[in-house]
Amino acid sequence: MALKKPLNSFARARKVGHNAAKKKRQSAIAQLQQWAKGKVEEIPNTK
């Protein structure tokens, strides 16, 4: 995870989530949900 500078000098740096695995997982879940709704004909490859 990347760290962002704090707003003041007494605070710690805040964690900022730039997680590629999470983005990939969320897009796969979204594709499965579209398939479950019947919007997509073939089953998406989620692996």
C-alpha atoms as a PDB file:
ATOM      1  CA  MET A   1       0.000   0.000   0.000  1.00  0.00           C
ATOM      2  CA  ALA A   2       1.096   3.502  -0.694  1.00  0.00           C
ATOM      3  CA  LEU A   3       1.337   6.063   2.064  1.00  0.00           C
ATOM      4  CA  LYS A   4       0.025   9.584   1.766  1.00  0.00           C
ATOM      5  CA  LYS A   5       1.551  12.468   3.682  1.00  0.00           C
ATOM      6  CA  PRO A   6      -0.392  13.502   6.777  1.00  0.00           C
ATOM      7  CA  LEU A   7      -2.342  16.733   6.939  1.00  0.00           C
ATOM      8  CA  ASN A   8      -0.252  17.994   9.864  1.00  0.00           C
ATOM      9  CA  SER A   9       3.273  17.256  11.042  1.00  0.00           C
ATOM     10  CA  PHE A  10       2.148  15.477  14.235  1.00  0.00           C
ATOM     11  CA  ALA A  11       0.019  12.860  12.513  1.00  0.00           C
ATOM     12  CA  ARG A  12       1.110   9.597  10.953  1.00  0.00           C
ATOM     13  CA  ALA A  13       0.937   9.000   7.240  1.00  0.00           C
ATOM     14  CA  ARG A  14      -2.457   7.701   6.137  1.00  0.00           C
ATOM     15  CA  LYS A  15      -2.700   4.404   4.302  1.00  0.00           C
ATOM     16  CA  VAL A  16      -4.113   4.697   0.783  1.00  0.00           C
ATOM     17  CA  GLY A  17      -5.384   1.533  -0.845  1.00  0.00           C
ATOM     18  CA  HIS A  18      -4.190   1.008  -4.405  1.00  0.00           C
ATOM     19  CA  ASN A  19      -4.621  -2.743  -4.476  1.00  0.00           C
ATOM     20  CA  ALA A  20      -4.506  -4.285  -7.964  1.00  0.00           C
ATOM     21  CA  ALA A  21      -5.780  -7.654  -6.731  1.00  0.00           C
ATOM     22  CA  LYS A  22      -8.840  -6.009  -5.191  1.00  0.00           C
ATOM     23  CA  LYS A  23      -9.644  -4.145  -8.418  1.00  0.00           C
ATOM     24  CA  LYS A  24      -9.304  -7.357 -10.438  1.00  0.00           C
ATOM     25  CA  ARG A  25     -11.504  -9.274  -7.987  1.00  0.00           C
ATOM     26  CA  GLN A  26     -14.193  -6.582  -8.010  1.00  0.00           C
ATOM     27  CA  SER A  27     -14.312  -6.480 -11.815  1.00  0.00           C
ATOM     28  CA  ALA A  28     -14.637 -10.279 -11.927  1.00  0.00           C
ATOM     29  CA  ILE A  29     -17.508 -10.139  -9.431  1.00  0.00           C
ATOM     30  CA  ALA A  30     -19.208  -7.442 -11.504  1.00  0.00           C
ATOM     31  CA  GLN A  31     -18.921  -9.601 -14.635  1.00  0.00           C
ATOM     32  CA  LEU A  32     -20.439 -12.577 -12.804  1.00  0.00           C
ATOM     33  CA  GLN A  33     -23.304 -10.417 -11.582  1.00  0.00           C
ATOM     34  CA  GLN A  34     -24.018  -9.238 -15.134  1.00  0.00           C
ATOM     35  CA  TRP A  35     -24.039 -12.872 -16.265  1.00  0.00           C
ATOM     36  CA  ALA A  36     -26.410 -13.800 -13.421  1.00  0.00           C
ATOM     37  CA  LYS A  37     -28.791 -11.026 -14.502  1.00  0.00           C
ATOM     38  CA  GLY A  38     -28.826 -12.451 -18.013  1.00  0.00           C
ATOM     39  CA  LYS A  39     -27.093  -9.481 -19.625  1.00  0.00           C
ATOM     40  CA  VAL A  40     -24.179 -11.578 -20.939  1.00  0.00           C
ATOM     41  CA  GLU A  41     -24.568 -14.831 -22.864  1.00  0.00           C
ATOM     42  CA  GLU A  42     -21.357 -16.706 -22.034  1.00  0.00           C
ATOM     43  CA  ILE A  43     -20.030 -17.310 -18.528  1.00  0.00           C
ATOM     44  CA  PRO A  44     -17.129 -14.893 -17.899  1.00  0.00           C
ATOM     45  CA  ASN A  45     -13.703 -16.327 -17.165  1.00  0.00           C
ATOM     46  CA  THR A  46     -12.917 -15.063 -13.670  1.00  0.00           C
ATOM     47  CA  LYS A  47      -9.546 -16.714 -13.150  1.00  0.00           C
END
